[in-house]
Amino acid sequence: MSEPHVTLEPRDPVQEKLRGPLEQQLTSALQVAAERIRDSYTGEPVEQVCQQLLDETRAGLHPDIAAAFQPDMDEFCRVAVAIVRGETT
């Protein structure tokens, strides 16, 4: 599994200006969450791992950012599948 990464699709100039720093913060939170879940994985189903990944990622963010963060759940579940399969970077 390659390191998970968050990519944003800005819709206006303000979002475009904030894109880089926000992508870095989201990606960092996702990578920390994935590592933590991978290290403590004990056979949970993919759906549960996917939800844990979302919860842990949001927990690593500022509350305002976490509340607005609407990730592509297909991509989060792809990361969860890699964790369940024991794939490493």
PDB file of N, CA and C in Angstrom:
ATOM      1  N   MET A   1       0.855  -1.171   0.000  1.00  0.00           N
ATOM      2  CA  MET A   1       0.000   0.000   0.000  1.00  0.00           C
ATOM      3  C   MET A   1       0.897   1.229   0.000  1.00  0.00           C
ATOM      4  N   SER A   2       0.639   2.152  -0.906  1.00  0.00           N
ATOM      5  CA  SER A   2       1.376   3.408  -0.866  1.00  0.00           C
ATOM      6  C   SER A   2       0.775   4.287   0.231  1.00  0.00           C
ATOM      7  N   GLU A   3       1.535   5.262   0.681  1.00  0.00           N
ATOM      8  CA  GLU A   3       1.041   6.150   1.729  1.00  0.00           C
ATOM      9  C   GLU A   3      -0.223   6.842   1.244  1.00  0.00           C
ATOM     10  N   PRO A   4      -1.265   6.848   2.064  1.00  0.00           N
ATOM     11  CA  PRO A   4      -2.494   7.534   1.658  1.00  0.00           C
ATOM     12  C   PRO A   4      -2.251   9.037   1.547  1.00  0.00           C
ATOM     13  N   HIS A   5      -2.983   9.667   0.641  1.00  0.00           N
ATOM     14  CA  HIS A   5      -2.823  11.097   0.382  1.00  0.00           C
ATOM     15  C   HIS A   5      -4.195  11.690   0.087  1.00  0.00           C
ATOM     16  N   VAL A   6      -4.447  12.869   0.614  1.00  0.00           N
ATOM     17  CA  VAL A   6      -5.693  13.581   0.359  1.00  0.00           C
ATOM     18  C   VAL A   6      -5.443  14.623  -0.718  1.00  0.00           C
ATOM     19  N   THR A   7      -6.299  14.641  -1.729  1.00  0.00           N
ATOM     20  CA  THR A   7      -6.236  15.637  -2.793  1.00  0.00           C
ATOM     21  C   THR A   7      -7.563  16.381  -2.816  1.00  0.00           C
ATOM     22  N   LEU A   8      -7.486  17.694  -2.775  1.00  0.00           N
ATOM     23  CA  LEU A   8      -8.692  18.519  -2.780  1.00  0.00           C
ATOM     24  C   LEU A   8      -8.959  19.057  -4.178  1.00  0.00           C
ATOM     25  N   GLU A   9     -10.218  19.347  -4.439  1.00  0.00           N
ATOM     26  CA  GLU A   9     -10.625  19.948  -5.701  1.00  0.00           C
ATOM     27  C   GLU A   9     -11.263  21.297  -5.389  1.00  0.00           C
ATOM     28  N   PRO A  10     -10.455  22.364  -5.371  1.00  0.00           N
ATOM     29  CA  PRO A  10     -10.980  23.682  -5.014  1.00  0.00           C
ATOM     30  C   PRO A  10     -11.996  24.180  -6.037  1.00  0.00           C
ATOM     31  N   ARG A  11     -12.960  24.949  -5.514  1.00  0.00           N
ATOM     32  CA  ARG A  11     -14.028  25.470  -6.384  1.00  0.00           C
ATOM     33  C   ARG A  11     -13.960  26.975  -6.587  1.00  0.00           C
ATOM     34  N   ASP A  12     -13.047  27.642  -5.887  1.00  0.00           N
ATOM     35  CA  ASP A  12     -12.920  29.087  -6.055  1.00  0.00           C
ATOM     36  C   ASP A  12     -11.491  29.504  -5.707  1.00  0.00           C
ATOM     37  N   PRO A  13     -11.117  30.760  -5.978  1.00  0.00           N
ATOM     38  CA  PRO A  13      -9.737  31.203  -5.734  1.00  0.00           C
ATOM     39  C   PRO A  13      -9.297  31.097  -4.276  1.00  0.00           C
ATOM     40  N   VAL A  14     -10.191  31.326  -3.336  1.00  0.00           N
ATOM     41  CA  VAL A  14      -9.826  31.230  -1.922  1.00  0.00           C
ATOM     42  C   VAL A  14      -9.468  29.788  -1.580  1.00  0.00           C
ATOM     43  N   GLN A  15     -10.292  28.851  -2.025  1.00  0.00           N
ATOM     44  CA  GLN A  15      -9.999  27.444  -1.771  1.00  0.00           C
ATOM     45  C   GLN A  15      -8.698  27.039  -2.452  1.00  0.00           C
ATOM     46  N   GLU A  16      -8.452  27.563  -3.639  1.00  0.00           N
ATOM     47  CA  GLU A  16      -7.212  27.241  -4.345  1.00  0.00           C
ATOM     48  C   GLU A  16      -6.006  27.726  -3.549  1.00  0.00           C
ATOM     49  N   LYS A  17      -6.110  28.903  -2.949  1.00  0.00           N
ATOM     50  CA  LYS A  17      -5.002  29.467  -2.180  1.00  0.00           C
ATOM     51  C   LYS A  17      -4.704  28.620  -0.936  1.00  0.00           C
ATOM     52  N   LEU A  18      -5.738  28.061  -0.324  1.00  0.00           N
ATOM     53  CA  LEU A  18      -5.579  27.260   0.895  1.00  0.00           C
ATOM     54  C   LEU A  18      -5.311  25.782   0.615  1.00  0.00           C
ATOM     55  N   ARG A  19      -5.396  25.399  -0.619  1.00  0.00           N
ATOM     56  CA  ARG A  19      -5.319  23.986  -1.001  1.00  0.00           C
ATOM     57  C   ARG A  19      -4.083  23.269  -0.470  1.00  0.00           C
ATOM     58  N   GLY A  20      -2.910  23.801  -0.714  1.00  0.00           N
ATOM     59  CA  GLY A  20      -1.666  23.125  -0.323  1.00  0.00           C
ATOM     60  C   GLY A  20      -1.574  22.845   1.165  1.00  0.00           C
ATOM     61  N   PRO A  21      -1.679  23.873   2.001  1.00  0.00           N
ATOM     62  CA  PRO A  21      -1.587  23.632   3.445  1.00  0.00           C
ATOM     63  C   PRO A  21      -2.686  22.713   3.974  1.00  0.00           C
ATOM     64  N   LEU A  22      -3.885  22.856   3.440  1.00  0.00           N
ATOM     65  CA  LEU A  22      -4.986  22.015   3.906  1.00  0.00           C
ATOM     66  C   LEU A  22      -4.782  20.563   3.478  1.00  0.00           C
ATOM     67  N   GLU A  23      -4.327  20.352   2.243  1.00  0.00           N
ATOM     68  CA  GLU A  23      -4.029  18.984   1.793  1.00  0.00           C
ATOM     69  C   GLU A  23      -2.963  18.350   2.674  1.00  0.00           C
ATOM     70  N   GLN A  24      -1.944  19.127   3.044  1.00  0.00           N
ATOM     71  CA  GLN A  24      -0.885  18.597   3.898  1.00  0.00           C
ATOM     72  C   GLN A  24      -1.427  18.193   5.263  1.00  0.00           C
ATOM     73  N   GLN A  25      -2.266  19.033   5.842  1.00  0.00           N
ATOM     74  CA  GLN A  25      -2.834  18.729   7.158  1.00  0.00           C
ATOM     75  C   GLN A  25      -3.725  17.493   7.093  1.00  0.00           C
ATOM     76  N   LEU A  26      -4.579  17.409   6.081  1.00  0.00           N
ATOM     77  CA  LEU A  26      -5.475  16.259   5.942  1.00  0.00           C
ATOM     78  C   LEU A  26      -4.694  14.983   5.677  1.00  0.00           C
ATOM     79  N   THR A  27      -3.697  15.075   4.811  1.00  0.00           N
ATOM     80  CA  THR A  27      -2.878  13.903   4.491  1.00  0.00           C
ATOM     81  C   THR A  27      -2.132  13.417   5.724  1.00  0.00           C
ATOM     82  N   SER A  28      -1.567  14.337   6.479  1.00  0.00           N
ATOM     83  CA  SER A  28      -0.846  13.965   7.696  1.00  0.00           C
ATOM     84  C   SER A  28      -1.775  13.255   8.681  1.00  0.00           C
ATOM     85  N   ALA A  29      -2.961  13.800   8.895  1.00  0.00           N
ATOM     86  CA  ALA A  29      -3.927  13.181   9.813  1.00  0.00           C
ATOM     87  C   ALA A  29      -4.328  11.791   9.322  1.00  0.00           C
ATOM     88  N   LEU A  30      -4.522  11.639   8.014  1.00  0.00           N
ATOM     89  CA  LEU A  30      -4.888  10.335   7.451  1.00  0.00           C
ATOM     90  C   LEU A  30      -3.751   9.333   7.609  1.00  0.00           C
ATOM     91  N   GLN A  31      -2.525   9.747   7.361  1.00  0.00           N
ATOM     92  CA  GLN A  31      -1.390   8.838   7.469  1.00  0.00           C
ATOM     93  C   GLN A  31      -1.165   8.387   8.908  1.00  0.00           C
ATOM     94  N   VAL A  32      -1.302   9.309   9.856  1.00  0.00           N
ATOM     95  CA  VAL A  32      -1.164   8.947  11.272  1.00  0.00           C
ATOM     96  C   VAL A  32      -2.264   7.970  11.663  1.00  0.00           C
ATOM     97  N   ALA A  33      -3.488   8.237  11.222  1.00  0.00           N
ATOM     98  CA  ALA A  33      -4.606   7.345  11.539  1.00  0.00           C
ATOM     99  C   ALA A  33      -4.379   5.956  10.941  1.00  0.00           C
ATOM    100  N   ALA A  34      -3.944   5.915   9.689  1.00  0.00           N
ATOM    101  CA  ALA A  34      -3.704   4.621   9.034  1.00  0.00           C
ATOM    102  C   ALA A  34      -2.621   3.833   9.759  1.00  0.00           C
ATOM    103  N   GLU A  35      -1.560   4.505  10.151  1.00  0.00           N
ATOM    104  CA  GLU A  35      -0.477   3.821  10.870  1.00  0.00           C
ATOM    105  C   GLU A  35      -0.961   3.292  12.219  1.00  0.00           C
ATOM    106  N   ARG A  36      -1.696   4.111  12.934  1.00  0.00           N
ATOM    107  CA  ARG A  36      -2.209   3.709  14.252  1.00  0.00           C
ATOM    108  C   ARG A  36      -3.148   2.498  14.116  1.00  0.00           C
ATOM    109  N   ILE A  37      -4.022   2.542  13.141  1.00  0.00           N
ATOM    110  CA  ILE A  37      -4.974   1.442  12.953  1.00  0.00           C
ATOM    111  C   ILE A  37      -4.243   0.192  12.470  1.00  0.00           C
ATOM    112  N   ARG A  38      -3.293   0.366  11.564  1.00  0.00           N
ATOM    113  CA  ARG A  38      -2.506  -0.779  11.067  1.00  0.00           C
ATOM    114  C   ARG A  38      -1.776  -1.457  12.226  1.00  0.00           C
ATOM    115  N   ASP A  39      -1.213  -0.663  13.121  1.00  0.00           N
ATOM    116  CA  ASP A  39      -0.449  -1.212  14.245  1.00  0.00           C
ATOM    117  C   ASP A  39      -1.326  -1.940  15.266  1.00  0.00           C
ATOM    118  N   SER A  40      -2.592  -1.551  15.362  1.00  0.00           N
ATOM    119  CA  SER A  40      -3.470  -2.165  16.367  1.00  0.00           C
ATOM    120  C   SER A  40      -4.520  -3.086  15.745  1.00  0.00           C
ATOM    121  N   TYR A  41      -4.391  -3.370  14.452  1.00  0.00           N
ATOM    122  CA  TYR A  41      -5.403  -4.189  13.761  1.00  0.00           C
ATOM    123  C   TYR A  41      -5.441  -5.611  14.318  1.00  0.00           C
ATOM    124  N   THR A  42      -6.661  -6.065  14.647  1.00  0.00           N
ATOM    125  CA  THR A  42      -6.826  -7.415  15.211  1.00  0.00           C
ATOM    126  C   THR A  42      -7.946  -8.199  14.538  1.00  0.00           C
ATOM    127  N   GLY A  43      -8.124  -7.999  13.246  1.00  0.00           N
ATOM    128  CA  GLY A  43      -9.082  -8.815  12.515  1.00  0.00           C
ATOM    129  C   GLY A  43     -10.457  -8.214  12.297  1.00  0.00           C
ATOM    130  N   GLU A  44     -10.631  -6.933  12.567  1.00  0.00           N
ATOM    131  CA  GLU A  44     -11.926  -6.298  12.348  1.00  0.00           C
ATOM    132  C   GLU A  44     -12.285  -6.306  10.857  1.00  0.00           C
ATOM    133  N   PRO A  45     -13.584  -6.275  10.532  1.00  0.00           N
ATOM    134  CA  PRO A  45     -13.992  -6.249   9.123  1.00  0.00           C
ATOM    135  C   PRO A  45     -13.648  -4.908   8.464  1.00  0.00           C
ATOM    136  N   VAL A  46     -13.569  -4.916   7.153  1.00  0.00           N
ATOM    137  CA  VAL A  46     -13.202  -3.735   6.377  1.00  0.00           C
ATOM    138  C   VAL A  46     -14.086  -2.537   6.718  1.00  0.00           C
ATOM    139  N   GLU A  47     -15.382  -2.758   6.832  1.00  0.00           N
ATOM    140  CA  GLU A  47     -16.304  -1.653   7.109  1.00  0.00           C
ATOM    141  C   GLU A  47     -15.955  -0.965   8.429  1.00  0.00           C
ATOM    142  N   GLN A  48     -15.616  -1.746   9.421  1.00  0.00           N
ATOM    143  CA  GLN A  48     -15.261  -1.190  10.727  1.00  0.00           C
ATOM    144  C   GLN A  48     -13.928  -0.445  10.647  1.00  0.00           C
ATOM    145  N   VAL A  49     -12.976  -0.997   9.929  1.00  0.00           N
ATOM    146  CA  VAL A  49     -11.679  -0.348   9.762  1.00  0.00           C
ATOM    147  C   VAL A  49     -11.855   0.968   9.000  1.00  0.00           C
ATOM    148  N   CYS A  50     -12.706   0.978   8.005  1.00  0.00           N
ATOM    149  CA  CYS A  50     -12.968   2.199   7.242  1.00  0.00           C
ATOM    150  C   CYS A  50     -13.542   3.285   8.155  1.00  0.00           C
ATOM    151  N   GLN A  51     -14.482   2.925   9.002  1.00  0.00           N
ATOM    152  CA  GLN A  51     -15.069   3.900   9.926  1.00  0.00           C
ATOM    153  C   GLN A  51     -14.037   4.368  10.945  1.00  0.00           C
ATOM    154  N   GLN A  52     -13.220   3.441  11.436  1.00  0.00           N
ATOM    155  CA  GLN A  52     -12.150   3.818  12.374  1.00  0.00           C
ATOM    156  C   GLN A  52     -11.187   4.808  11.713  1.00  0.00           C
ATOM    157  N   LEU A  53     -10.879   4.554  10.462  1.00  0.00           N
ATOM    158  CA  LEU A  53      -9.971   5.420   9.717  1.00  0.00           C
ATOM    159  C   LEU A  53     -10.545   6.830   9.616  1.00  0.00           C
ATOM    160  N   LEU A  54     -11.817   6.932   9.312  1.00  0.00           N
ATOM    161  CA  LEU A  54     -12.468   8.236   9.239  1.00  0.00           C
ATOM    162  C   LEU A  54     -12.478   8.913  10.608  1.00  0.00           C
ATOM    163  N   ASP A  55     -12.870   8.169  11.637  1.00  0.00           N
ATOM    164  CA  ASP A  55     -12.934   8.737  12.989  1.00  0.00           C
ATOM    165  C   ASP A  55     -11.569   9.201  13.473  1.00  0.00           C
ATOM    166  N   GLU A  56     -10.550   8.382  13.270  1.00  0.00           N
ATOM    167  CA  GLU A  56      -9.189   8.724  13.720  1.00  0.00           C
ATOM    168  C   GLU A  56      -8.629   9.910  12.932  1.00  0.00           C
ATOM    169  N   THR A  57      -8.926   9.961  11.641  1.00  0.00           N
ATOM    170  CA  THR A  57      -8.459  11.087  10.833  1.00  0.00           C
ATOM    171  C   THR A  57      -9.100  12.376  11.327  1.00  0.00           C
ATOM    172  N   ARG A  58     -10.404  12.354  11.523  1.00  0.00           N
ATOM    173  CA  ARG A  58     -11.096  13.552  12.017  1.00  0.00           C
ATOM    174  C   ARG A  58     -10.595  13.953  13.404  1.00  0.00           C
ATOM    175  N   ALA A  59     -10.286  12.974  14.240  1.00  0.00           N
ATOM    176  CA  ALA A  59      -9.787  13.278  15.591  1.00  0.00           C
ATOM    177  C   ALA A  59      -8.445  14.008  15.542  1.00  0.00           C
ATOM    178  N   GLY A  60      -7.701  13.819  14.477  1.00  0.00           N
ATOM    179  CA  GLY A  60      -6.400  14.457  14.334  1.00  0.00           C
ATOM    180  C   GLY A  60      -6.453  15.845  13.717  1.00  0.00           C
ATOM    181  N   LEU A  61      -7.657  16.336  13.467  1.00  0.00           N
ATOM    182  CA  LEU A  61      -7.827  17.635  12.820  1.00  0.00           C
ATOM    183  C   LEU A  61      -8.434  18.655  13.774  1.00  0.00           C
ATOM    184  N   HIS A  62      -8.262  19.913  13.458  1.00  0.00           N
ATOM    185  CA  HIS A  62      -8.961  20.977  14.185  1.00  0.00           C
ATOM    186  C   HIS A  62     -10.462  20.711  14.030  1.00  0.00           C
ATOM    187  N   PRO A  63     -11.259  20.923  15.075  1.00  0.00           N
ATOM    188  CA  PRO A  63     -12.691  20.614  15.012  1.00  0.00           C
ATOM    189  C   PRO A  63     -13.430  21.241  13.824  1.00  0.00           C
ATOM    190  N   ASP A  64     -13.082  22.467  13.448  1.00  0.00           N
ATOM    191  CA  ASP A  64     -13.760  23.107  12.307  1.00  0.00           C
ATOM    192  C   ASP A  64     -13.423  22.403  10.995  1.00  0.00           C
ATOM    193  N   ILE A  65     -12.176  22.015  10.858  1.00  0.00           N
ATOM    194  CA  ILE A  65     -11.762  21.304   9.642  1.00  0.00           C
ATOM    195  C   ILE A  65     -12.382  19.913   9.632  1.00  0.00           C
ATOM    196  N   ALA A  66     -12.357  19.239  10.768  1.00  0.00           N
ATOM    197  CA  ALA A  66     -12.933  17.896  10.865  1.00  0.00           C
ATOM    198  C   ALA A  66     -14.411  17.901  10.509  1.00  0.00           C
ATOM    199  N   ALA A  67     -15.133  18.912  10.969  1.00  0.00           N
ATOM    200  CA  ALA A  67     -16.576  18.987  10.703  1.00  0.00           C
ATOM    201  C   ALA A  67     -16.870  19.159   9.217  1.00  0.00           C
ATOM    202  N   ALA A  68     -15.989  19.852   8.510  1.00  0.00           N
ATOM    203  CA  ALA A  68     -16.207  20.110   7.090  1.00  0.00           C
ATOM    204  C   ALA A  68     -15.595  19.042   6.183  1.00  0.00           C
ATOM    205  N   PHE A  69     -14.784  18.168   6.736  1.00  0.00           N
ATOM    206  CA  PHE A  69     -14.076  17.161   5.947  1.00  0.00           C
ATOM    207  C   PHE A  69     -15.028  16.070   5.479  1.00  0.00           C
ATOM    208  N   GLN A  70     -15.242  16.006   4.177  1.00  0.00           N
ATOM    209  CA  GLN A  70     -16.100  15.000   3.561  1.00  0.00           C
ATOM    210  C   GLN A  70     -15.268  14.213   2.548  1.00  0.00           C
ATOM    211  N   PRO A  71     -14.539  13.211   3.017  1.00  0.00           N
ATOM    212  CA  PRO A  71     -13.644  12.488   2.114  1.00  0.00           C
ATOM    213  C   PRO A  71     -14.397  11.561   1.167  1.00  0.00           C
ATOM    214  N   ASP A  72     -13.687  11.152   0.145  1.00  0.00           N
ATOM    215  CA  ASP A  72     -14.189  10.135  -0.776  1.00  0.00           C
ATOM    216  C   ASP A  72     -14.118   8.804  -0.019  1.00  0.00           C
ATOM    217  N   MET A  73     -15.258   8.300   0.402  1.00  0.00           N
ATOM    218  CA  MET A  73     -15.273   7.088   1.226  1.00  0.00           C
ATOM    219  C   MET A  73     -14.795   5.861   0.463  1.00  0.00           C
ATOM    220  N   ASP A  74     -14.910   5.862  -0.849  1.00  0.00           N
ATOM    221  CA  ASP A  74     -14.347   4.750  -1.623  1.00  0.00           C
ATOM    222  C   ASP A  74     -12.836   4.695  -1.439  1.00  0.00           C
ATOM    223  N   GLU A  75     -12.203   5.856  -1.407  1.00  0.00           N
ATOM    224  CA  GLU A  75     -10.757   5.900  -1.204  1.00  0.00           C
ATOM    225  C   GLU A  75     -10.388   5.510   0.226  1.00  0.00           C
ATOM    226  N   PHE A  76     -11.182   5.958   1.199  1.00  0.00           N
ATOM    227  CA  PHE A  76     -10.914   5.565   2.587  1.00  0.00           C
ATOM    228  C   PHE A  76     -11.053   4.049   2.729  1.00  0.00           C
ATOM    229  N   CYS A  77     -12.041   3.487   2.080  1.00  0.00           N
ATOM    230  CA  CYS A  77     -12.233   2.031   2.163  1.00  0.00           C
ATOM    231  C   CYS A  77     -11.122   1.282   1.435  1.00  0.00           C
ATOM    232  N   ARG A  78     -10.544   1.893   0.395  1.00  0.00           N
ATOM    233  CA  ARG A  78      -9.402   1.281  -0.285  1.00  0.00           C
ATOM    234  C   ARG A  78      -8.226   1.173   0.692  1.00  0.00           C
ATOM    235  N   VAL A  79      -8.018   2.214   1.488  1.00  0.00           N
ATOM    236  CA  VAL A  79      -6.968   2.190   2.505  1.00  0.00           C
ATOM    237  C   VAL A  79      -7.297   1.137   3.557  1.00  0.00           C
ATOM    238  N   ALA A  80      -8.564   1.052   3.950  1.00  0.00           N
ATOM    239  CA  ALA A  80      -8.991   0.059   4.943  1.00  0.00           C
ATOM    240  C   ALA A  80      -8.748  -1.362   4.432  1.00  0.00           C
ATOM    241  N   VAL A  81      -9.039  -1.603   3.175  1.00  0.00           N
ATOM    242  CA  VAL A  81      -8.802  -2.933   2.585  1.00  0.00           C
ATOM    243  C   VAL A  81      -7.314  -3.265   2.647  1.00  0.00           C
ATOM    244  N   ALA A  82      -6.464  -2.294   2.349  1.00  0.00           N
ATOM    245  CA  ALA A  82      -5.017  -2.529   2.412  1.00  0.00           C
ATOM    246  C   ALA A  82      -4.581  -2.862   3.834  1.00  0.00           C
ATOM    247  N   ILE A  83      -5.172  -2.198   4.817  1.00  0.00           N
ATOM    248  CA  ILE A  83      -4.843  -2.496   6.218  1.00  0.00           C
ATOM    249  C   ILE A  83      -5.277  -3.918   6.563  1.00  0.00           C
ATOM    250  N   VAL A  84      -6.486  -4.290   6.183  1.00  0.00           N
ATOM    251  CA  VAL A  84      -7.004  -5.629   6.462  1.00  0.00           C
ATOM    252  C   VAL A  84      -6.143  -6.704   5.799  1.00  0.00           C
ATOM    253  N   ARG A  85      -5.686  -6.426   4.595  1.00  0.00           N
ATOM    254  CA  ARG A  85      -4.855  -7.389   3.861  1.00  0.00           C
ATOM    255  C   ARG A  85      -3.411  -7.424   4.362  1.00  0.00           C
ATOM    256  N   GLY A  86      -3.050  -6.483   5.219  1.00  0.00           N
ATOM    257  CA  GLY A  86      -1.685  -6.440   5.744  1.00  0.00           C
ATOM    258  C   GLY A  86      -0.684  -5.869   4.793  1.00  0.00           C
ATOM    259  N   GLU A  87      -1.156  -5.118   3.803  1.00  0.00           N
ATOM    260  CA  GLU A  87      -0.245  -4.488   2.849  1.00  0.00           C
ATOM    261  C   GLU A  87       0.482  -3.348   3.523  1.00  0.00           C
ATOM    262  N   THR A  88       1.756  -3.217   3.239  1.00  0.00           N
ATOM    263  CA  THR A  88       2.565  -2.155   3.851  1.00  0.00           C
ATOM    264  C   THR A  88       3.094  -1.238   2.760  1.00  0.00           C
ATOM    265  N   THR A  89       3.646  -0.126   3.217  1.00  0.00           N
ATOM    266  CA  THR A  89       4.196   0.849   2.257  1.00  0.00           C
ATOM    267  C   THR A  89       5.558   0.439   1.803  1.00  0.00           C
TER     268      THR A  89
END
